[in-house]
N, C-alpha and C. Protein backbone atom coordinates (compact mmCIF):
# COMPACT_ATOMS: atom_id res chain seq x y z
N UNK A 1 132.26 230.52 27.51
CA UNK A 1 131.56 230.55 29.00
C UNK A 1 130.17 229.89 29.31
N UNK A 2 129.47 229.98 28.52
CA UNK A 2 128.20 229.75 28.36
C UNK A 2 128.16 228.16 28.28
N UNK A 3 128.97 227.84 27.39
CA UNK A 3 128.88 226.39 27.16
C UNK A 3 129.45 225.86 27.98
N UNK A 4 130.46 226.37 29.06
CA UNK A 4 130.96 225.72 30.08
C UNK A 4 129.91 225.38 31.56
N UNK A 5 129.07 226.42 31.50
CA UNK A 5 127.97 226.78 32.62
C UNK A 5 127.21 225.66 31.97
N UNK A 6 126.78 225.58 30.89
CA UNK A 6 125.64 224.51 30.35
C UNK A 6 125.94 223.36 30.89
N UNK A 7 127.59 223.05 30.48
CA UNK A 7 128.06 221.58 30.78
C UNK A 7 128.12 221.47 32.64
N UNK A 8 128.14 222.38 33.19
CA UNK A 8 128.07 222.17 34.62
C UNK A 8 126.55 221.48 35.14
N UNK A 9 125.73 222.56 34.66
CA UNK A 9 124.27 222.35 34.83
C UNK A 9 123.82 220.96 34.43
N UNK A 10 124.34 220.37 33.17
CA UNK A 10 123.56 219.02 32.96
C UNK A 10 124.34 217.89 33.59
N UNK A 11 125.43 218.46 34.39
CA UNK A 11 126.36 217.57 35.41
C UNK A 11 125.43 217.16 36.80
N UNK A 12 124.94 218.11 37.42
CA UNK A 12 124.71 218.29 38.29
C UNK A 12 122.94 218.73 38.29
N UNK A 13 122.06 218.91 37.33
CA UNK A 13 120.88 219.45 37.64
C UNK A 13 119.87 218.38 38.34
N UNK A 14 119.43 218.41 39.49
CA UNK A 14 118.45 217.46 40.07
C UNK A 14 119.05 216.26 40.80
N UNK A 15 120.40 216.33 40.61
CA UNK A 15 120.96 215.25 41.30
C UNK A 15 121.35 215.19 42.35
N UNK A 16 120.99 214.28 43.53
CA UNK A 16 120.98 214.23 45.01
C UNK A 16 122.21 214.99 45.63
N UNK A 17 123.24 214.32 45.02
CA UNK A 17 124.83 214.77 45.57
C UNK A 17 124.98 216.04 45.01
N UNK A 18 124.35 216.93 44.72
CA UNK A 18 124.75 218.33 44.16
C UNK A 18 124.70 219.09 45.87
N UNK A 19 123.47 218.64 46.51
CA UNK A 19 123.62 219.63 48.08
C UNK A 19 124.57 219.03 48.82
N UNK A 20 125.23 217.68 48.80
CA UNK A 20 126.37 217.14 49.48
C UNK A 20 127.54 217.97 49.03
N UNK A 21 127.60 218.31 47.65
CA UNK A 21 128.65 218.64 47.49
C UNK A 21 128.99 220.23 47.87
N UNK A 22 127.80 220.97 47.65
CA UNK A 22 127.77 222.21 48.26
C UNK A 22 128.35 222.13 50.09
N UNK A 23 127.55 221.33 50.50
CA UNK A 23 128.03 221.20 52.14
C UNK A 23 129.59 220.93 52.23
N UNK A 24 129.96 220.06 51.34
CA UNK A 24 131.32 219.70 51.36
C UNK A 24 132.18 220.86 51.21
N UNK A 25 131.98 221.43 50.39
CA UNK A 25 133.12 222.64 49.78
C UNK A 25 132.87 223.62 50.47
N UNK A 26 131.61 223.99 51.38
CA UNK A 26 131.52 224.97 52.23
C UNK A 26 132.22 224.65 53.69
N UNK A 27 132.01 223.51 54.20
CA UNK A 27 133.04 222.92 55.44
C UNK A 27 134.28 222.78 54.80
N UNK A 28 135.10 222.48 53.97
CA UNK A 28 136.21 222.60 53.88
C UNK A 28 136.85 224.08 53.64
N UNK A 29 136.39 224.75 53.20
CA UNK A 29 136.75 225.99 53.06
C UNK A 29 136.77 227.05 54.34
N UNK A 30 136.17 226.50 55.02
CA UNK A 30 136.41 226.73 56.74
C UNK A 30 137.43 226.90 57.27
N UNK A 31 138.61 225.83 56.86
CA UNK A 31 139.94 225.43 57.36
C UNK A 31 140.70 225.50 56.49
N UNK A 32 140.24 225.54 55.00
CA UNK A 32 141.40 225.36 53.95
C UNK A 32 140.55 226.28 52.86
N UNK A 33 140.89 227.68 53.08
CA UNK A 33 140.42 228.81 52.18
C UNK A 33 140.97 228.62 51.00
N UNK A 34 141.49 227.50 50.33
CA UNK A 34 141.82 227.63 48.70
C UNK A 34 140.36 227.19 48.14
N UNK A 35 139.85 226.22 48.90
CA UNK A 35 138.54 225.91 48.50
C UNK A 35 137.36 226.65 48.29
N UNK A 36 136.93 227.32 47.02
CA UNK A 36 136.25 228.34 46.67
C UNK A 36 134.22 228.14 47.09
N UNK A 37 133.96 228.26 48.53
CA UNK A 37 132.95 227.99 49.02
C UNK A 37 131.66 229.06 48.20
N UNK A 38 132.07 230.06 48.13
CA UNK A 38 131.09 231.38 47.71
C UNK A 38 130.90 231.10 46.50
N UNK A 39 132.00 230.84 45.74
CA UNK A 39 131.44 230.32 44.44
C UNK A 39 130.60 229.36 43.99
N UNK A 40 130.64 228.11 44.78
CA UNK A 40 130.24 226.95 44.71
C UNK A 40 128.69 227.25 45.11
N UNK A 41 128.25 228.17 46.40
CA UNK A 41 127.21 228.30 46.72
C UNK A 41 126.08 229.20 45.73
N UNK A 42 126.83 229.97 45.16
CA UNK A 42 126.14 231.21 44.33
C UNK A 42 125.88 230.38 42.95
N UNK A 43 126.71 229.23 42.80
CA UNK A 43 126.53 228.51 41.56
C UNK A 43 125.00 227.74 41.91
N UNK A 44 125.06 227.20 43.08
CA UNK A 44 123.81 226.11 43.60
C UNK A 44 122.66 227.11 43.76
N UNK A 45 122.98 228.63 43.87
CA UNK A 45 121.77 229.35 43.97
C UNK A 45 121.16 229.82 42.53
N UNK A 46 122.13 229.99 41.69
CA UNK A 46 121.93 230.18 40.03
C UNK A 46 121.14 229.15 39.82
N UNK A 47 121.39 227.69 40.02
CA UNK A 47 120.59 226.39 39.56
C UNK A 47 119.36 226.45 40.29
N UNK A 48 119.25 226.86 41.31
CA UNK A 48 118.03 226.70 41.93
C UNK A 48 117.01 227.71 41.08
N UNK A 49 117.91 228.88 40.93
CA UNK A 49 116.54 230.21 40.30
C UNK A 49 116.31 229.32 38.72
N UNK A 50 116.88 228.62 38.21
CA UNK A 50 116.73 227.96 37.09
C UNK A 50 115.86 226.59 37.39
N UNK A 51 115.61 226.10 38.71
CA UNK A 51 114.76 225.05 38.62
C UNK A 51 115.21 223.88 38.98
N UNK A 52 116.71 223.94 38.75
CA UNK A 52 117.55 222.40 38.63
C UNK A 52 117.58 221.87 39.94
N UNK A 53 117.58 222.95 41.24
CA UNK A 53 118.19 222.47 42.75
C UNK A 53 116.99 223.14 43.27
N UNK A 54 116.87 222.75 44.44
CA UNK A 54 116.14 222.83 45.38
C UNK A 54 116.60 224.50 46.55
N UNK A 55 115.88 225.36 46.19
CA UNK A 55 116.24 226.56 46.87
C UNK A 55 116.71 226.46 48.48
N UNK A 56 115.64 226.00 48.95
CA UNK A 56 115.97 225.55 50.83
C UNK A 56 116.76 224.67 51.05
N UNK A 57 116.69 223.61 50.06
CA UNK A 57 118.05 222.80 50.25
C UNK A 57 119.44 223.29 50.00
N UNK A 58 119.42 224.10 48.88
CA UNK A 58 120.83 225.00 48.90
C UNK A 58 121.29 225.58 49.66
N UNK A 59 120.29 226.52 50.68
CA UNK A 59 120.49 227.26 51.38
C UNK A 59 121.11 226.48 52.72
N UNK A 60 120.31 225.08 53.03
CA UNK A 60 120.72 224.51 54.47
C UNK A 60 121.94 223.72 53.99
N UNK A 61 122.37 223.56 52.85
CA UNK A 61 123.51 222.72 52.66
C UNK A 61 124.98 223.65 52.81
N UNK A 62 124.63 224.95 52.29
CA UNK A 62 125.66 226.01 52.29
C UNK A 62 125.59 226.06 53.64
N UNK A 63 124.83 226.74 54.63
CA UNK A 63 124.55 227.12 56.18
C UNK A 63 125.43 226.09 57.09
N UNK A 64 124.87 224.62 56.85
CA UNK A 64 125.45 223.92 57.78
C UNK A 64 126.77 223.25 57.40
N UNK A 65 127.26 223.13 56.16
CA UNK A 65 128.46 223.11 55.70
C UNK A 65 129.40 224.15 56.68
N UNK A 66 128.96 225.37 56.28
CA UNK A 66 129.71 226.46 56.88
C UNK A 66 129.87 226.14 58.54
N UNK A 67 128.59 225.86 59.10
CA UNK A 67 129.02 225.62 60.62
C UNK A 67 130.08 224.52 60.95
N UNK A 68 129.78 223.35 59.94
CA UNK A 68 130.42 222.60 60.37
C UNK A 68 131.90 222.49 60.23
N UNK A 69 132.34 223.15 59.51
CA UNK A 69 133.61 223.53 59.12
C UNK A 69 133.90 224.67 60.01
N UNK A 70 133.25 225.27 60.65
CA UNK A 70 133.76 226.43 61.55
C UNK A 70 134.14 225.57 62.75
N UNK A 71 133.18 224.76 63.12
CA UNK A 71 133.63 224.13 64.37
C UNK A 71 135.07 223.07 64.29
N UNK A 72 134.82 222.43 63.16
CA UNK A 72 136.17 221.70 63.04
C UNK A 72 137.48 222.81 63.21
N UNK A 73 137.46 224.06 62.50
CA UNK A 73 138.53 224.67 62.78
C UNK A 73 138.48 225.22 64.13
N UNK A 74 137.32 225.74 65.25
CA UNK A 74 137.42 226.14 66.27
C UNK A 74 138.15 224.70 67.10
N UNK A 75 137.77 223.20 66.82
CA UNK A 75 138.30 222.36 67.44
C UNK A 75 140.02 222.21 67.24
N UNK A 76 140.46 222.54 66.02
CA UNK A 76 141.61 222.48 65.70
C UNK A 76 142.64 223.62 66.69
N UNK A 77 141.82 224.58 66.53
CA UNK A 77 142.37 225.73 67.53
C UNK A 77 142.50 225.46 68.67
N UNK A 78 141.79 224.53 69.37
CA UNK A 78 141.53 224.21 70.97
C UNK A 78 142.44 223.23 71.15
N UNK A 79 142.69 222.33 70.12
CA UNK A 79 143.60 221.23 70.38
C UNK A 79 144.87 221.52 69.76
N UNK A 80 145.52 222.23 69.20
CA UNK A 80 146.87 222.42 68.73
C UNK A 80 147.20 223.74 69.85
N UNK A 81 146.29 224.74 70.27
CA UNK A 81 146.81 225.78 70.86
C UNK A 81 147.31 226.73 70.25
N UNK A 82 147.56 227.99 70.97
CA UNK A 82 148.26 229.31 70.12
C UNK A 82 149.38 229.06 69.37
N UNK A 83 150.65 228.62 70.14
CA UNK A 83 151.52 228.53 69.66
C UNK A 83 151.97 227.65 68.44
N UNK A 84 151.41 226.26 68.44
CA UNK A 84 151.24 225.45 67.57
C UNK A 84 150.49 226.15 66.04
N UNK A 85 149.72 226.73 66.45
CA UNK A 85 148.69 227.59 65.06
C UNK A 85 149.66 228.45 64.68
N UNK A 86 150.73 228.92 65.29
CA UNK A 86 151.14 230.25 65.12
C UNK A 86 152.46 229.73 64.30
N UNK A 87 152.87 228.86 64.66
CA UNK A 87 154.07 228.25 63.84
C UNK A 87 153.74 227.87 62.20
N UNK A 88 152.53 227.73 62.18
CA UNK A 88 152.09 227.37 60.94
C UNK A 88 151.45 228.48 59.74
N UNK A 89 151.63 229.79 60.75
CA UNK A 89 151.18 231.04 60.22
C UNK A 89 152.20 231.36 59.36
N UNK A 90 152.51 231.89 57.91
CA UNK A 90 153.38 232.34 57.37
C UNK A 90 152.69 233.67 56.50
N UNK A 91 153.83 234.65 56.47
CA UNK A 91 153.19 235.69 55.72
C UNK A 91 152.56 237.13 56.66
N UNK A 92 152.99 238.06 56.52
CA UNK A 92 152.69 239.32 56.78
C UNK A 92 150.95 239.38 57.03
N UNK A 93 150.45 238.87 55.91
CA UNK A 93 148.89 239.39 55.82
C UNK A 93 148.39 238.30 56.89
N UNK A 94 148.53 236.87 56.99
CA UNK A 94 148.25 236.02 57.71
C UNK A 94 148.46 236.34 59.21
N UNK A 95 149.55 236.87 59.65
CA UNK A 95 149.77 237.17 61.00
C UNK A 95 149.03 238.32 61.65
N UNK A 96 149.07 239.38 60.62
CA UNK A 96 147.95 240.66 61.02
C UNK A 96 146.35 239.90 60.95
N UNK A 97 145.93 239.27 60.29
CA UNK A 97 144.45 238.50 60.43
C UNK A 97 144.50 237.91 61.89
N UNK A 98 145.36 236.75 62.24
CA UNK A 98 145.20 236.42 63.30
C UNK A 98 145.26 237.04 64.53
N UNK A 99 146.29 238.62 64.51
CA UNK A 99 146.24 239.71 65.53
C UNK A 99 144.86 240.16 65.69
N UNK A 100 144.27 240.68 64.53
CA UNK A 100 142.93 241.26 64.27
C UNK A 100 141.81 240.41 65.39
N UNK A 101 141.98 238.95 64.81
CA UNK A 101 140.79 237.96 65.42
C UNK A 101 141.03 237.82 66.89
N UNK A 102 142.39 238.01 67.61
CA UNK A 102 142.47 238.13 68.51
C UNK A 102 142.02 239.00 69.71
N UNK A 103 142.48 240.04 68.98
CA UNK A 103 141.85 241.47 69.61
C UNK A 103 140.47 241.71 69.54
N UNK A 104 139.80 241.48 68.58
CA UNK A 104 138.30 241.52 68.45
C UNK A 104 137.38 240.65 68.97
N UNK A 105 137.67 239.20 69.14
CA UNK A 105 137.41 238.31 69.48
C UNK A 105 136.98 238.69 71.16
N UNK A 106 138.16 239.43 71.68
CA UNK A 106 137.70 239.78 73.15
C UNK A 106 136.79 241.07 73.13
N UNK A 107 137.24 241.81 72.19
CA UNK A 107 136.29 243.04 72.33
C UNK A 107 134.99 243.09 71.67
N UNK A 108 134.87 242.22 70.62
CA UNK A 108 133.47 242.29 70.00
C UNK A 108 132.77 240.78 69.99
N UNK A 109 133.29 239.87 70.08
CA UNK A 109 132.67 238.52 70.25
C UNK A 109 132.02 238.17 69.01
N UNK A 110 130.94 238.13 69.52
CA UNK A 110 129.39 237.77 68.28
C UNK A 110 130.00 238.04 67.19
N UNK A 111 129.64 239.13 66.87
CA UNK A 111 129.87 240.00 66.31
C UNK A 111 131.00 239.92 64.91
N UNK A 112 132.31 239.81 65.31
CA UNK A 112 133.57 239.41 64.48
C UNK A 112 133.21 238.09 63.99
N UNK A 113 132.56 237.03 64.93
CA UNK A 113 132.24 235.86 64.08
C UNK A 113 131.52 235.90 63.01
N UNK A 114 130.57 236.56 62.94
CA UNK A 114 129.64 236.82 61.68
C UNK A 114 130.16 237.78 60.59
N UNK A 115 131.05 238.77 60.91
CA UNK A 115 131.61 239.39 60.17
C UNK A 115 132.83 238.79 59.50
N UNK A 116 133.60 237.79 60.35
CA UNK A 116 134.48 237.22 59.62
C UNK A 116 134.24 236.05 58.42
N UNK A 117 133.01 235.52 58.67
CA UNK A 117 132.50 234.42 57.96
C UNK A 117 132.56 234.85 56.61
N UNK A 118 132.32 236.20 56.24
CA UNK A 118 132.53 236.78 54.80
C UNK A 118 133.46 237.16 54.21
N UNK A 119 134.76 237.01 54.98
CA UNK A 119 136.43 237.38 54.78
C UNK A 119 136.71 235.76 54.37
N UNK A 120 137.00 235.15 53.66
CA UNK A 120 137.88 233.77 53.25
C UNK A 120 138.87 233.75 54.06
N UNK A 121 139.91 234.33 54.12
CA UNK A 121 140.96 234.51 54.81
C UNK A 121 140.68 234.63 56.38
N UNK A 122 139.79 235.51 56.34
CA UNK A 122 139.60 236.22 58.25
C UNK A 122 138.51 235.10 58.97
N UNK A 123 138.15 234.24 57.98
CA UNK A 123 137.06 233.18 58.43
C UNK A 123 137.93 232.12 59.23
N UNK A 124 138.94 231.62 58.73
CA UNK A 124 139.75 230.52 59.35
C UNK A 124 140.48 231.28 60.04
N UNK A 125 141.04 232.22 60.13
CA UNK A 125 142.08 232.77 61.12
C UNK A 125 141.04 233.06 62.41
N UNK A 126 139.66 233.58 62.62
CA UNK A 126 138.84 234.04 63.48
C UNK A 126 138.48 232.80 64.38
N UNK A 127 138.06 231.48 63.42
CA UNK A 127 137.47 230.27 64.06
C UNK A 127 138.77 229.68 64.87
N UNK A 128 139.90 229.48 64.35
CA UNK A 128 141.14 229.25 64.68
C UNK A 128 141.57 229.30 66.12
N UNK A 129 141.51 231.05 66.31
CA UNK A 129 141.91 231.92 67.31
C UNK A 129 140.68 231.66 68.39
N UNK A 130 139.63 231.34 67.89
CA UNK A 130 138.60 231.47 69.09
C UNK A 130 138.34 230.29 69.72
N UNK A 131 139.19 229.14 69.51
CA UNK A 131 139.41 227.93 69.77
C UNK A 131 140.57 227.93 70.84
N UNK A 132 141.54 228.69 70.51
CA UNK A 132 142.49 228.62 71.83
C UNK A 132 142.38 230.09 72.48
N UNK A 133 141.67 230.81 72.45
CA UNK A 133 141.70 232.11 73.26
C UNK A 133 140.75 231.58 74.29
N UNK A 134 140.99 231.67 75.42
CA UNK A 134 140.16 231.41 76.44
C UNK A 134 139.17 231.89 77.02
N UNK A 135 138.69 233.06 76.31
CA UNK A 135 137.87 233.82 76.76
C UNK A 135 136.22 233.83 75.92
N UNK A 136 136.62 232.64 74.88
CA UNK A 136 135.57 232.29 73.97
C UNK A 136 135.08 231.01 74.04
N UNK A 137 134.37 230.36 75.21
CA UNK A 137 134.30 229.06 75.37
C UNK A 137 133.12 228.65 74.20
N UNK A 138 133.10 227.21 73.58
CA UNK A 138 132.60 226.91 72.77
C UNK A 138 130.99 227.11 72.62
N UNK A 139 130.37 227.11 73.99
CA UNK A 139 128.85 227.48 73.71
C UNK A 139 128.65 228.86 73.45
N UNK A 140 129.67 229.49 73.75
CA UNK A 140 129.28 230.96 73.12
C UNK A 140 129.76 230.76 71.66
N UNK A 141 130.72 230.13 71.41
CA UNK A 141 130.85 230.05 69.94
C UNK A 141 129.79 229.76 68.82
N UNK A 142 129.29 228.56 69.61
CA UNK A 142 128.29 228.09 68.21
C UNK A 142 127.30 228.86 68.20
N UNK A 143 126.74 229.40 69.25
CA UNK A 143 125.50 230.03 69.00
C UNK A 143 125.70 231.47 68.17
N UNK A 144 126.90 232.07 68.30
CA UNK A 144 127.23 232.90 67.46
C UNK A 144 127.29 232.33 65.78
N UNK A 145 128.26 231.24 65.52
CA UNK A 145 128.40 230.50 64.42
C UNK A 145 127.17 230.00 63.64
N UNK A 146 126.26 229.61 64.43
CA UNK A 146 125.13 229.10 63.92
C UNK A 146 124.35 230.42 63.25
N UNK A 147 124.35 231.62 63.72
CA UNK A 147 124.30 233.16 63.05
C UNK A 147 124.99 233.27 61.95
N UNK A 148 126.20 232.96 62.16
CA UNK A 148 127.34 233.37 60.84
C UNK A 148 126.74 232.45 59.89
N UNK A 149 126.66 231.38 60.11
CA UNK A 149 126.58 230.28 59.12
C UNK A 149 125.22 230.26 58.20
N UNK A 150 124.15 230.76 58.71
CA UNK A 150 123.00 230.64 58.03
C UNK A 150 122.90 232.24 57.20
N UNK A 151 123.26 233.35 57.88
CA UNK A 151 123.15 234.48 57.29
C UNK A 151 124.21 234.76 56.26
N UNK A 152 125.28 233.85 56.16
CA UNK A 152 126.30 233.61 54.90
C UNK A 152 125.48 232.57 53.91
N UNK A 153 124.94 231.54 54.35
CA UNK A 153 124.25 230.89 53.49
C UNK A 153 122.99 231.14 52.60
N UNK A 154 122.25 232.17 53.30
CA UNK A 154 121.30 232.94 52.84
C UNK A 154 121.58 233.86 51.69
N UNK A 155 122.78 234.45 52.35
CA UNK A 155 123.35 235.94 51.46
C UNK A 155 124.02 234.88 49.95
N UNK A 156 124.96 234.34 49.96
CA UNK A 156 125.56 233.57 49.20
C UNK A 156 124.50 232.84 48.22
N UNK A 157 123.55 232.18 48.69
CA UNK A 157 122.82 231.14 47.64
C UNK A 157 121.70 232.31 46.83
N UNK A 158 120.95 233.17 48.14
CA UNK A 158 120.39 233.74 47.52
C UNK A 158 120.79 234.90 46.37
N UNK A 159 122.13 235.26 46.68
CA UNK A 159 122.69 236.06 45.35
C UNK A 159 122.80 235.59 43.99
N UNK A 160 123.32 234.21 44.12
CA UNK A 160 122.85 233.40 43.13
C UNK A 160 121.80 233.28 42.33
N UNK A 161 120.51 233.00 43.27
CA UNK A 161 119.36 232.68 43.02
C UNK A 161 118.73 234.12 42.19
N UNK A 162 118.81 235.25 42.75
CA UNK A 162 118.41 236.15 42.09
C UNK A 162 119.14 236.57 40.56
N UNK A 163 120.36 236.67 40.86
CA UNK A 163 121.11 236.46 39.71
C UNK A 163 121.07 235.45 38.43
N UNK A 164 120.57 234.27 38.89
CA UNK A 164 119.81 233.69 37.81
C UNK A 164 118.66 233.76 37.49
N UNK A 165 117.84 234.38 38.41
CA UNK A 165 116.54 234.76 37.34
C UNK A 165 116.48 235.65 36.72
N UNK A 166 117.44 236.62 36.98
CA UNK A 166 117.52 238.31 36.14
C UNK A 166 117.87 237.69 35.03
N UNK A 167 118.65 236.62 34.84
CA UNK A 167 119.26 236.18 33.46
C UNK A 167 118.87 234.84 32.94
N UNK A 168 117.57 234.35 33.49
CA UNK A 168 117.21 233.10 33.02
C UNK A 168 117.66 232.56 31.56
N UNK A 169 117.56 233.29 30.77
CA UNK A 169 118.14 232.87 29.42
C UNK A 169 119.89 232.69 29.54
N UNK A 170 120.28 233.00 30.22
CA UNK A 170 121.61 233.17 30.06
C UNK A 170 122.13 233.15 31.46
N UNK A 171 121.95 232.07 32.15
CA UNK A 171 122.07 232.47 33.94
C UNK A 171 123.58 232.24 34.00
N UNK A 172 124.37 232.19 33.46
CA UNK A 172 126.16 232.04 33.11
C UNK A 172 126.31 233.54 33.57
N UNK A 173 125.48 234.50 32.96
CA UNK A 173 125.55 235.87 33.29
C UNK A 173 125.41 236.22 34.61
N UNK A 174 124.45 235.58 35.00
CA UNK A 174 123.72 235.76 36.35
C UNK A 174 124.97 235.46 37.40
N UNK A 175 125.44 234.38 37.39
CA UNK A 175 126.74 233.65 38.15
C UNK A 175 128.04 234.80 38.24
N UNK A 176 128.12 235.47 37.05
CA UNK A 176 129.43 236.25 37.03
C UNK A 176 129.25 237.44 37.61
N UNK A 177 127.82 237.85 37.66
CA UNK A 177 127.46 239.13 38.30
C UNK A 177 127.00 239.24 39.74
N UNK A 178 126.75 238.10 39.81
CA UNK A 178 126.39 237.48 41.38
C UNK A 178 127.73 237.21 42.09
N UNK A 179 128.92 236.92 41.68
CA UNK A 179 130.17 236.53 42.02
C UNK A 179 130.85 237.56 42.15
N UNK A 180 130.77 238.82 41.29
CA UNK A 180 131.40 240.09 41.15
C UNK A 180 130.83 240.80 42.53
N UNK A 181 129.42 240.62 42.50
CA UNK A 181 129.14 241.50 43.69
C UNK A 181 129.55 240.91 45.11
N UNK A 182 129.70 239.73 45.05
CA UNK A 182 130.33 238.72 46.14
C UNK A 182 131.66 239.05 46.91
N UNK A 183 132.18 239.33 45.54
CA UNK A 183 134.00 239.53 45.84
C UNK A 183 134.02 240.99 46.18
N UNK A 184 133.33 242.01 45.19
CA UNK A 184 133.11 243.13 45.90
C UNK A 184 132.80 243.57 47.64
N UNK A 185 131.57 242.83 48.00
CA UNK A 185 131.43 243.15 49.36
C UNK A 185 132.63 242.52 50.02
N UNK A 186 132.98 241.38 49.69
CA UNK A 186 134.48 240.83 50.75
C UNK A 186 135.68 241.60 50.75
N UNK A 187 135.67 242.47 49.69
CA UNK A 187 137.10 243.20 49.25
C UNK A 187 136.57 244.76 50.28
N UNK A 188 135.09 244.97 50.31
CA UNK A 188 134.95 246.31 50.93
C UNK A 188 134.79 245.99 52.29
N UNK A 189 134.49 244.88 52.84
CA UNK A 189 134.52 244.31 54.15
C UNK A 189 136.34 244.27 54.68
N UNK A 190 136.89 244.10 54.06
CA UNK A 190 138.32 243.63 54.25
C UNK A 190 139.16 244.81 54.10
N UNK A 191 138.67 245.95 53.19
CA UNK A 191 138.92 247.31 53.32
C UNK A 191 138.82 247.95 54.58
N UNK A 192 137.61 248.05 55.21
CA UNK A 192 137.00 248.73 56.20
C UNK A 192 137.97 248.12 57.48
N UNK A 193 137.79 246.77 57.52
CA UNK A 193 139.13 246.10 58.43
C UNK A 193 140.17 246.39 58.59
N UNK A 194 140.36 246.59 57.43
CA UNK A 194 142.18 247.02 57.16
C UNK A 194 142.30 248.46 58.02
N UNK A 195 141.41 249.40 57.36
CA UNK A 195 141.47 250.54 57.96
C UNK A 195 141.24 251.11 59.23
N UNK A 196 140.46 250.20 59.93
CA UNK A 196 139.87 250.16 61.36
C UNK A 196 141.29 249.80 62.32
N UNK A 197 141.83 248.64 61.69
CA UNK A 197 143.40 247.99 62.18
C UNK A 197 144.27 249.29 62.30
N UNK A 198 144.57 249.98 61.46
CA UNK A 198 145.37 250.98 61.02
C UNK A 198 145.27 252.24 61.81
N UNK A 199 144.01 252.30 61.95
CA UNK A 199 143.36 253.63 62.96
C UNK A 199 143.61 252.88 64.39
N UNK A 200 143.15 251.94 64.90
CA UNK A 200 143.68 251.56 66.10
C UNK A 200 145.05 251.29 66.45
N UNK A 201 145.84 251.20 65.71
CA UNK A 201 147.48 251.04 65.74
C UNK A 201 148.07 252.65 65.95
N UNK A 202 147.54 253.53 64.94
CA UNK A 202 147.70 254.73 64.95
C UNK A 202 147.35 255.60 66.54
N UNK A 203 146.29 255.31 67.11
CA UNK A 203 145.67 255.62 68.05
C UNK A 203 146.44 255.30 69.38
N UNK A 204 146.78 253.75 69.22
CA UNK A 204 147.91 253.52 70.08
C UNK A 204 149.41 254.02 70.49
N UNK A 205 149.72 254.61 69.26
CA UNK A 205 150.91 255.09 69.20
C UNK A 205 150.60 256.57 69.82
């Protein structure tokens, strides 16, 4: 693992395009959740901790990439509409994610945009849904999304940064620990969301 990480470090250390890579992955992940934006942002933070990349630029790249991608997803939701979007939604988990997003955007708005940014599948469902629900205009969305993007960018990159600082001699260990923390937090948020959704359904019955 250490040798693989060292190879990655040698490939991107100090390279100007590293920041564009972070931006691009964060952007794509907003509407194509198979792209691992958390992993890339955390890795950038680890490299910033070792002095190979600039910490402020890594945060800026991750945050602005996330915001750009979220707005593309919002635009797709607006352009395609709810019927078209839902035709491509497959699987019970995805349907529940969209139902959760529709219900909570109307009830909680900004708070849900921020929380959903930390859920790989939830962020896509939420931003697409925000595009086609008439109660969430773009001016309201962009304010919430800028907050969400920078909170997420700071969180992911700084998690990697402090992980890298804690294991300066073996930064790949910092990457593993930081990634584990990130996935654990995402899992905890998803579990709370799921339990609240179950509670709301039980209350309705």
